[in-house]
Amino acid sequence: MKTWFNPFIKSECLRTRARLTSYLDCELSDKEQQELKLHLKSCQSCCEEYNSLRQTISLLQHMPEIRSEHTFRIDEKNVTKKTCDRKLLILSRTAAVVAIILVLVCIGDLGHLFTPTGDSPLGGQFWLVRGVELGLLVALIVLISCILVELHRQRKR
């Protein structure tokens, strides 16, 4: 064959290979089927591709059906449980951080770090420190009560 035919042959092969599945599924018109059959008779490469595809389909049809032990559905209870677990984790970590800060402020207060002593940069901040301690204590109580409510909800489910 002459080389000036090659682009035409390649494009005809690409077109044929793109329609092989439709041909095997009997989705082509009679005219398209005839054109495809003619090309398969004249082109060894496309014929091999067609036979390979036909053989693959045949093998797949003869494979046994495999049942899975696992279901891949999303279970609403699991989603809800994971959301609750995440919420509980965030609440408990936040409560832990607040508790640590509260302990540090209380230790500083007991060590008289915040009492007025001339040169201390934190000295004289007595009411501010008491306000911070009280705020942290309230925040900790609220967080602990939220954790208890969340645990109670989880036990009901």
N, C-alpha and C. Protein backbone atom coordinates (compact mmCIF):
# COMPACT_ATOMS: atom_id res chain seq x y z
N MET A 1 0.83 -1.18 0.00
CA MET A 1 0.00 0.00 0.00
C MET A 1 0.87 1.24 0.00
N LYS A 2 0.41 2.28 -0.65
CA LYS A 2 1.19 3.51 -0.73
C LYS A 2 1.03 4.31 0.57
N THR A 3 2.02 5.13 0.87
CA THR A 3 2.03 5.87 2.13
C THR A 3 1.00 6.98 2.19
N TRP A 4 0.54 7.48 1.05
CA TRP A 4 -0.44 8.58 1.10
C TRP A 4 -1.81 8.09 1.55
N PHE A 5 -2.03 6.78 1.60
CA PHE A 5 -3.29 6.22 2.11
C PHE A 5 -3.29 6.07 3.64
N ASN A 6 -2.12 6.07 4.25
CA ASN A 6 -2.01 5.80 5.68
C ASN A 6 -2.90 6.68 6.56
N PRO A 7 -2.94 8.00 6.41
CA PRO A 7 -3.81 8.80 7.27
C PRO A 7 -5.28 8.37 7.15
N PHE A 8 -5.72 8.02 5.95
CA PHE A 8 -7.10 7.59 5.76
C PHE A 8 -7.33 6.26 6.47
N ILE A 9 -6.39 5.35 6.33
CA ILE A 9 -6.53 4.03 6.95
C ILE A 9 -6.54 4.17 8.47
N LYS A 10 -5.64 4.97 9.00
CA LYS A 10 -5.59 5.16 10.44
C LYS A 10 -6.90 5.76 10.96
N SER A 11 -7.43 6.74 10.25
CA SER A 11 -8.68 7.35 10.72
C SER A 11 -9.84 6.37 10.59
N GLU A 12 -9.81 5.53 9.55
CA GLU A 12 -10.86 4.51 9.39
C GLU A 12 -10.74 3.47 10.50
N CYS A 13 -9.53 3.12 10.88
CA CYS A 13 -9.33 2.17 11.97
C CYS A 13 -9.81 2.76 13.30
N LEU A 14 -9.49 4.01 13.53
CA LEU A 14 -9.95 4.67 14.76
C LEU A 14 -11.48 4.70 14.81
N ARG A 15 -12.08 5.02 13.70
CA ARG A 15 -13.54 5.08 13.63
C ARG A 15 -14.15 3.69 13.86
N THR A 16 -13.52 2.67 13.27
CA THR A 16 -14.02 1.30 13.43
C THR A 16 -13.88 0.84 14.87
N ARG A 17 -12.72 1.08 15.47
CA ARG A 17 -12.49 0.64 16.85
C ARG A 17 -13.42 1.35 17.83
N ALA A 18 -13.77 2.58 17.53
CA ALA A 18 -14.69 3.32 18.40
C ALA A 18 -16.10 2.72 18.34
N ARG A 19 -16.42 2.04 17.22
CA ARG A 19 -17.77 1.48 17.07
C ARG A 19 -17.85 -0.03 17.34
N LEU A 20 -16.74 -0.65 17.73
CA LEU A 20 -16.75 -2.10 17.95
C LEU A 20 -17.73 -2.53 19.04
N THR A 21 -17.78 -1.81 20.13
CA THR A 21 -18.69 -2.17 21.22
C THR A 21 -20.14 -2.05 20.77
N SER A 22 -20.42 -0.98 20.04
CA SER A 22 -21.79 -0.81 19.53
C SER A 22 -22.14 -1.93 18.55
N TYR A 23 -21.16 -2.35 17.78
CA TYR A 23 -21.38 -3.44 16.84
C TYR A 23 -21.69 -4.74 17.58
N LEU A 24 -20.91 -5.03 18.62
CA LEU A 24 -21.14 -6.25 19.40
C LEU A 24 -22.48 -6.21 20.14
N ASP A 25 -22.93 -5.03 20.48
CA ASP A 25 -24.22 -4.88 21.18
C ASP A 25 -25.39 -4.72 20.21
N CYS A 26 -25.12 -4.86 18.91
CA CYS A 26 -26.13 -4.71 17.85
C CYS A 26 -26.85 -3.36 17.90
N GLU A 27 -26.08 -2.33 18.09
CA GLU A 27 -26.64 -0.99 18.18
C GLU A 27 -26.42 -0.16 16.91
N LEU A 28 -25.77 -0.75 15.90
CA LEU A 28 -25.49 -0.02 14.66
C LEU A 28 -26.58 -0.29 13.63
N SER A 29 -26.72 0.65 12.73
CA SER A 29 -27.68 0.46 11.64
C SER A 29 -27.12 -0.61 10.69
N ASP A 30 -27.98 -1.10 9.78
CA ASP A 30 -27.53 -2.14 8.84
C ASP A 30 -26.38 -1.64 7.99
N LYS A 31 -26.47 -0.39 7.54
CA LYS A 31 -25.42 0.19 6.71
C LYS A 31 -24.10 0.27 7.48
N GLU A 32 -24.16 0.73 8.73
CA GLU A 32 -22.95 0.83 9.56
C GLU A 32 -22.34 -0.55 9.83
N GLN A 33 -23.21 -1.54 10.03
CA GLN A 33 -22.73 -2.90 10.26
C GLN A 33 -21.99 -3.44 9.04
N GLN A 34 -22.55 -3.17 7.85
CA GLN A 34 -21.91 -3.64 6.62
C GLN A 34 -20.55 -2.97 6.43
N GLU A 35 -20.49 -1.66 6.68
CA GLU A 35 -19.22 -0.93 6.54
C GLU A 35 -18.17 -1.49 7.51
N LEU A 36 -18.60 -1.75 8.72
CA LEU A 36 -17.69 -2.26 9.73
C LEU A 36 -17.20 -3.67 9.37
N LYS A 37 -18.11 -4.52 8.88
CA LYS A 37 -17.72 -5.88 8.47
C LYS A 37 -16.71 -5.84 7.33
N LEU A 38 -16.94 -4.94 6.38
CA LEU A 38 -15.99 -4.80 5.26
C LEU A 38 -14.61 -4.39 5.77
N HIS A 39 -14.59 -3.45 6.68
CA HIS A 39 -13.31 -3.00 7.19
C HIS A 39 -12.61 -4.12 7.98
N LEU A 40 -13.37 -4.86 8.77
CA LEU A 40 -12.77 -5.96 9.54
C LEU A 40 -12.18 -7.03 8.62
N LYS A 41 -12.81 -7.26 7.46
CA LYS A 41 -12.27 -8.24 6.51
C LYS A 41 -10.97 -7.77 5.88
N SER A 42 -10.85 -6.45 5.73
CA SER A 42 -9.67 -5.93 5.04
C SER A 42 -8.55 -5.48 5.98
N CYS A 43 -8.83 -5.37 7.29
CA CYS A 43 -7.83 -4.85 8.22
C CYS A 43 -7.54 -5.87 9.32
N GLN A 44 -6.36 -6.43 9.28
CA GLN A 44 -5.96 -7.45 10.25
C GLN A 44 -5.92 -6.88 11.67
N SER A 45 -5.41 -5.68 11.84
CA SER A 45 -5.28 -5.06 13.16
C SER A 45 -6.64 -4.87 13.83
N CYS A 46 -7.61 -4.33 13.09
CA CYS A 46 -8.95 -4.11 13.63
C CYS A 46 -9.65 -5.44 13.89
N CYS A 47 -9.40 -6.43 13.03
CA CYS A 47 -9.99 -7.75 13.22
C CYS A 47 -9.47 -8.38 14.51
N GLU A 48 -8.18 -8.23 14.78
CA GLU A 48 -7.61 -8.74 16.03
C GLU A 48 -8.22 -8.03 17.24
N GLU A 49 -8.40 -6.73 17.12
CA GLU A 49 -9.02 -5.95 18.20
C GLU A 49 -10.45 -6.43 18.44
N TYR A 50 -11.18 -6.66 17.37
CA TYR A 50 -12.56 -7.15 17.46
C TYR A 50 -12.61 -8.52 18.13
N ASN A 51 -11.75 -9.42 17.71
CA ASN A 51 -11.73 -10.77 18.29
C ASN A 51 -11.33 -10.74 19.77
N SER A 52 -10.39 -9.88 20.09
CA SER A 52 -9.97 -9.73 21.49
C SER A 52 -11.12 -9.21 22.36
N LEU A 53 -11.83 -8.23 21.85
CA LEU A 53 -12.97 -7.67 22.58
C LEU A 53 -14.08 -8.71 22.73
N ARG A 54 -14.35 -9.44 21.66
CA ARG A 54 -15.38 -10.48 21.71
C ARG A 54 -15.01 -11.58 22.71
N GLN A 55 -13.75 -11.95 22.73
CA GLN A 55 -13.28 -12.98 23.66
C GLN A 55 -13.36 -12.47 25.11
N THR A 56 -13.02 -11.22 25.34
CA THR A 56 -13.11 -10.64 26.68
C THR A 56 -14.55 -10.64 27.17
N ILE A 57 -15.47 -10.25 26.32
CA ILE A 57 -16.89 -10.24 26.68
C ILE A 57 -17.36 -11.65 27.00
N SER A 58 -16.92 -12.61 26.21
CA SER A 58 -17.31 -14.00 26.45
C SER A 58 -16.78 -14.51 27.79
N LEU A 59 -15.54 -14.18 28.10
CA LEU A 59 -14.97 -14.59 29.38
C LEU A 59 -15.71 -13.94 30.55
N LEU A 60 -16.04 -12.68 30.41
CA LEU A 60 -16.77 -11.98 31.47
C LEU A 60 -18.16 -12.57 31.68
N GLN A 61 -18.80 -12.99 30.60
CA GLN A 61 -20.13 -13.56 30.73
C GLN A 61 -20.10 -14.93 31.40
N HIS A 62 -18.99 -15.63 31.32
CA HIS A 62 -18.89 -16.96 31.90
C HIS A 62 -18.29 -16.95 33.31
N MET A 63 -17.95 -15.80 33.80
CA MET A 63 -17.39 -15.72 35.15
C MET A 63 -18.50 -15.93 36.18
N PRO A 64 -18.19 -16.61 37.26
CA PRO A 64 -19.20 -16.81 38.30
C PRO A 64 -19.45 -15.49 39.04
N GLU A 65 -20.66 -15.36 39.52
CA GLU A 65 -21.02 -14.16 40.27
C GLU A 65 -20.46 -14.29 41.69
N ILE A 66 -19.82 -13.26 42.14
CA ILE A 66 -19.21 -13.27 43.46
C ILE A 66 -20.05 -12.41 44.40
N ARG A 67 -20.43 -13.00 45.50
CA ARG A 67 -21.20 -12.27 46.51
C ARG A 67 -20.23 -11.70 47.54
N SER A 68 -20.45 -10.48 47.88
CA SER A 68 -19.61 -9.83 48.89
C SER A 68 -20.23 -9.99 50.26
N GLU A 69 -19.37 -10.20 51.25
CA GLU A 69 -19.86 -10.30 52.62
C GLU A 69 -20.23 -8.92 53.15
N HIS A 70 -19.64 -7.91 52.60
CA HIS A 70 -19.85 -6.56 53.08
C HIS A 70 -20.83 -5.82 52.19
N THR A 71 -21.60 -5.00 52.80
CA THR A 71 -22.48 -4.13 52.03
C THR A 71 -21.81 -2.76 51.94
N PHE A 72 -21.97 -2.12 50.85
CA PHE A 72 -21.32 -0.83 50.66
C PHE A 72 -22.31 0.32 50.75
N ARG A 73 -23.45 0.04 51.35
CA ARG A 73 -24.43 1.10 51.58
C ARG A 73 -23.96 1.95 52.75
N ILE A 74 -24.36 3.19 52.72
CA ILE A 74 -24.07 4.08 53.84
C ILE A 74 -25.20 3.93 54.84
N ASP A 75 -24.85 3.46 56.01
CA ASP A 75 -25.83 3.25 57.06
C ASP A 75 -26.01 4.55 57.84
N GLU A 76 -27.24 5.01 57.93
CA GLU A 76 -27.52 6.29 58.58
C GLU A 76 -27.09 6.28 60.04
N LYS A 77 -27.24 5.15 60.72
CA LYS A 77 -26.84 5.07 62.12
C LYS A 77 -25.33 5.27 62.28
N ASN A 78 -24.54 4.67 61.37
CA ASN A 78 -23.09 4.84 61.44
C ASN A 78 -22.68 6.28 61.20
N VAL A 79 -23.34 6.94 60.24
CA VAL A 79 -23.02 8.33 59.95
C VAL A 79 -23.35 9.19 61.17
N THR A 80 -24.51 8.96 61.77
CA THR A 80 -24.91 9.72 62.94
C THR A 80 -23.95 9.46 64.10
N LYS A 81 -23.55 8.20 64.28
CA LYS A 81 -22.64 7.85 65.37
C LYS A 81 -21.29 8.51 65.17
N LYS A 82 -20.77 8.50 63.94
CA LYS A 82 -19.49 9.13 63.68
C LYS A 82 -19.55 10.63 63.90
N THR A 83 -20.67 11.25 63.52
CA THR A 83 -20.84 12.69 63.73
C THR A 83 -20.86 12.98 65.23
N CYS A 84 -21.58 12.16 65.99
CA CYS A 84 -21.64 12.34 67.44
C CYS A 84 -20.29 12.10 68.07
N ASP A 85 -19.57 11.08 67.61
CA ASP A 85 -18.24 10.80 68.14
C ASP A 85 -17.30 11.97 67.89
N ARG A 86 -17.39 12.55 66.72
CA ARG A 86 -16.54 13.70 66.38
C ARG A 86 -16.89 14.89 67.26
N LYS A 87 -18.17 15.13 67.45
CA LYS A 87 -18.61 16.24 68.30
C LYS A 87 -18.12 16.03 69.73
N LEU A 88 -18.23 14.81 70.21
CA LEU A 88 -17.78 14.49 71.56
C LEU A 88 -16.27 14.67 71.69
N LEU A 89 -15.53 14.28 70.68
CA LEU A 89 -14.09 14.44 70.68
C LEU A 89 -13.70 15.92 70.75
N ILE A 90 -14.35 16.73 69.94
CA ILE A 90 -14.06 18.17 69.93
C ILE A 90 -14.40 18.78 71.29
N LEU A 91 -15.55 18.43 71.84
CA LEU A 91 -15.95 18.96 73.14
C LEU A 91 -14.97 18.55 74.24
N SER A 92 -14.56 17.28 74.24
CA SER A 92 -13.65 16.82 75.30
C SER A 92 -12.28 17.46 75.17
N ARG A 93 -11.80 17.64 73.96
CA ARG A 93 -10.49 18.30 73.79
C ARG A 93 -10.54 19.76 74.19
N THR A 94 -11.63 20.42 73.84
CA THR A 94 -11.79 21.82 74.24
C THR A 94 -11.87 21.94 75.76
N ALA A 95 -12.60 21.03 76.39
CA ALA A 95 -12.70 21.04 77.85
C ALA A 95 -11.33 20.81 78.48
N ALA A 96 -10.54 19.92 77.90
CA ALA A 96 -9.20 19.65 78.43
C ALA A 96 -8.32 20.90 78.35
N VAL A 97 -8.38 21.60 77.23
CA VAL A 97 -7.57 22.82 77.06
C VAL A 97 -8.01 23.88 78.07
N VAL A 98 -9.31 24.08 78.22
CA VAL A 98 -9.82 25.07 79.17
C VAL A 98 -9.41 24.69 80.59
N ALA A 99 -9.48 23.39 80.92
CA ALA A 99 -9.10 22.93 82.26
C ALA A 99 -7.62 23.19 82.52
N ILE A 100 -6.78 22.96 81.53
CA ILE A 100 -5.33 23.19 81.69
C ILE A 100 -5.06 24.68 81.91
N ILE A 101 -5.71 25.53 81.13
CA ILE A 101 -5.52 26.98 81.29
C ILE A 101 -6.01 27.42 82.68
N LEU A 102 -7.16 26.90 83.11
CA LEU A 102 -7.70 27.24 84.42
C LEU A 102 -6.74 26.81 85.53
N VAL A 103 -6.18 25.61 85.42
CA VAL A 103 -5.22 25.14 86.42
C VAL A 103 -3.99 26.04 86.46
N LEU A 104 -3.48 26.43 85.29
CA LEU A 104 -2.30 27.30 85.25
C LEU A 104 -2.58 28.66 85.87
N VAL A 105 -3.74 29.24 85.59
CA VAL A 105 -4.10 30.54 86.16
C VAL A 105 -4.26 30.41 87.67
N CYS A 106 -4.89 29.33 88.12
CA CYS A 106 -5.08 29.12 89.57
C CYS A 106 -3.73 28.92 90.28
N ILE A 107 -2.83 28.17 89.67
CA ILE A 107 -1.50 27.99 90.25
C ILE A 107 -0.77 29.32 90.35
N GLY A 108 -0.88 30.12 89.30
CA GLY A 108 -0.26 31.45 89.33
C GLY A 108 -0.87 32.33 90.40
N ASP A 109 -2.18 32.21 90.58
CA ASP A 109 -2.86 33.00 91.60
C ASP A 109 -2.44 32.55 93.00
N LEU A 110 -2.38 31.22 93.21
CA LEU A 110 -1.98 30.70 94.51
C LEU A 110 -0.51 31.02 94.81
N GLY A 111 0.29 31.10 93.79
CA GLY A 111 1.70 31.45 93.97
C GLY A 111 1.90 32.94 94.07
N HIS A 112 0.84 33.69 94.17
CA HIS A 112 0.86 35.16 94.30
C HIS A 112 1.56 35.83 93.13
N LEU A 113 1.44 35.23 91.95
CA LEU A 113 2.04 35.81 90.75
C LEU A 113 1.29 37.08 90.34
N PHE A 114 0.01 37.14 90.66
CA PHE A 114 -0.80 38.26 90.21
C PHE A 114 -1.08 39.28 91.32
N THR A 115 -0.49 39.13 92.49
CA THR A 115 -0.71 40.09 93.58
C THR A 115 0.20 41.29 93.38
N PRO A 116 -0.24 42.45 93.81
CA PRO A 116 0.58 43.66 93.60
C PRO A 116 1.88 43.61 94.39
N THR A 117 2.99 43.56 93.66
CA THR A 117 4.32 43.63 94.29
C THR A 117 5.20 44.52 93.45
N GLY A 118 5.11 45.73 93.55
CA GLY A 118 5.98 46.74 92.93
C GLY A 118 6.45 46.46 91.53
N ASP A 119 7.46 45.61 91.35
CA ASP A 119 8.13 45.43 90.06
C ASP A 119 7.47 44.41 89.14
N SER A 120 6.58 43.58 89.63
CA SER A 120 5.97 42.52 88.82
C SER A 120 5.09 43.11 87.73
N PRO A 121 5.30 42.70 86.44
CA PRO A 121 4.46 43.26 85.37
C PRO A 121 3.00 42.82 85.49
N LEU A 122 2.75 41.70 86.16
CA LEU A 122 1.38 41.23 86.32
C LEU A 122 0.78 41.68 87.65
N GLY A 123 1.55 42.31 88.45
CA GLY A 123 1.07 42.74 89.76
C GLY A 123 -0.07 43.74 89.63
N GLY A 124 -0.99 43.68 90.55
CA GLY A 124 -2.12 44.61 90.56
C GLY A 124 -3.25 44.23 89.64
N GLN A 125 -3.21 43.06 89.06
CA GLN A 125 -4.27 42.59 88.15
C GLN A 125 -5.21 41.63 88.86
N PHE A 126 -5.45 41.84 90.14
CA PHE A 126 -6.22 40.94 90.98
C PHE A 126 -7.61 40.69 90.42
N TRP A 127 -8.37 41.72 90.10
CA TRP A 127 -9.75 41.54 89.64
C TRP A 127 -9.80 40.95 88.24
N LEU A 128 -8.83 41.31 87.43
CA LEU A 128 -8.76 40.72 86.09
C LEU A 128 -8.52 39.20 86.17
N VAL A 129 -7.61 38.81 87.04
CA VAL A 129 -7.30 37.39 87.21
C VAL A 129 -8.52 36.66 87.75
N ARG A 130 -9.23 37.24 88.71
CA ARG A 130 -10.43 36.61 89.26
C ARG A 130 -11.49 36.47 88.16
N GLY A 131 -11.60 37.46 87.31
CA GLY A 131 -12.56 37.39 86.20
C GLY A 131 -12.21 36.29 85.21
N VAL A 132 -10.92 36.16 84.89
CA VAL A 132 -10.46 35.10 83.99
C VAL A 132 -10.72 33.74 84.61
N GLU A 133 -10.39 33.59 85.88
CA GLU A 133 -10.63 32.31 86.57
C GLU A 133 -12.11 31.96 86.53
N LEU A 134 -12.94 32.93 86.85
CA LEU A 134 -14.38 32.68 86.86
C LEU A 134 -14.90 32.34 85.46
N GLY A 135 -14.44 33.08 84.45
CA GLY A 135 -14.85 32.80 83.07
C GLY A 135 -14.43 31.42 82.61
N LEU A 136 -13.20 31.04 82.92
CA LEU A 136 -12.72 29.71 82.56
C LEU A 136 -13.49 28.62 83.28
N LEU A 137 -13.81 28.87 84.55
CA LEU A 137 -14.58 27.90 85.31
C LEU A 137 -15.98 27.71 84.72
N VAL A 138 -16.62 28.81 84.35
CA VAL A 138 -17.95 28.73 83.73
C VAL A 138 -17.86 28.00 82.39
N ALA A 139 -16.84 28.33 81.59
CA ALA A 139 -16.67 27.67 80.30
C ALA A 139 -16.46 26.17 80.49
N LEU A 140 -15.67 25.80 81.48
CA LEU A 140 -15.42 24.39 81.75
C LEU A 140 -16.70 23.68 82.18
N ILE A 141 -17.49 24.32 83.02
CA ILE A 141 -18.76 23.72 83.46
C ILE A 141 -19.70 23.53 82.27
N VAL A 142 -19.77 24.52 81.39
CA VAL A 142 -20.63 24.42 80.21
C VAL A 142 -20.15 23.29 79.30
N LEU A 143 -18.86 23.20 79.06
CA LEU A 143 -18.33 22.14 78.21
C LEU A 143 -18.58 20.76 78.80
N ILE A 144 -18.38 20.62 80.08
CA ILE A 144 -18.62 19.32 80.72
C ILE A 144 -20.10 18.95 80.64
N SER A 145 -20.97 19.93 80.82
CA SER A 145 -22.41 19.62 80.72
C SER A 145 -22.77 19.25 79.28
N CYS A 146 -22.16 19.88 78.28
CA CYS A 146 -22.40 19.51 76.88
C CYS A 146 -21.92 18.08 76.61
N ILE A 147 -20.78 17.73 77.18
CA ILE A 147 -20.26 16.36 77.02
C ILE A 147 -21.22 15.36 77.64
N LEU A 148 -21.71 15.66 78.83
CA LEU A 148 -22.65 14.76 79.49
C LEU A 148 -23.94 14.61 78.70
N VAL A 149 -24.45 15.71 78.15
CA VAL A 149 -25.66 15.65 77.33
C VAL A 149 -25.42 14.79 76.09
N GLU A 150 -24.27 14.96 75.44
CA GLU A 150 -23.94 14.18 74.24
C GLU A 150 -23.81 12.69 74.58
N LEU A 151 -23.18 12.38 75.69
CA LEU A 151 -23.07 10.98 76.12
C LEU A 151 -24.45 10.38 76.40
N HIS A 152 -25.32 11.16 77.00
CA HIS A 152 -26.69 10.71 77.28
C HIS A 152 -27.44 10.42 75.98
N ARG A 153 -27.27 11.30 74.98
CA ARG A 153 -27.92 11.08 73.67
C ARG A 153 -27.41 9.81 73.01
N GLN A 154 -26.12 9.56 73.11
CA GLN A 154 -25.55 8.37 72.49
C GLN A 154 -26.06 7.10 73.15
N ARG A 155 -26.26 7.12 74.44
CA ARG A 155 -26.77 5.94 75.14
C ARG A 155 -28.22 5.65 74.77
N LYS A 156 -28.98 6.70 74.44
CA LYS A 156 -30.38 6.51 74.05
C LYS A 156 -30.48 5.80 72.70
N ARG A 157 -29.49 5.97 71.85
CA ARG A 157 -29.55 5.40 70.49
C ARG A 157 -29.24 3.98 70.55
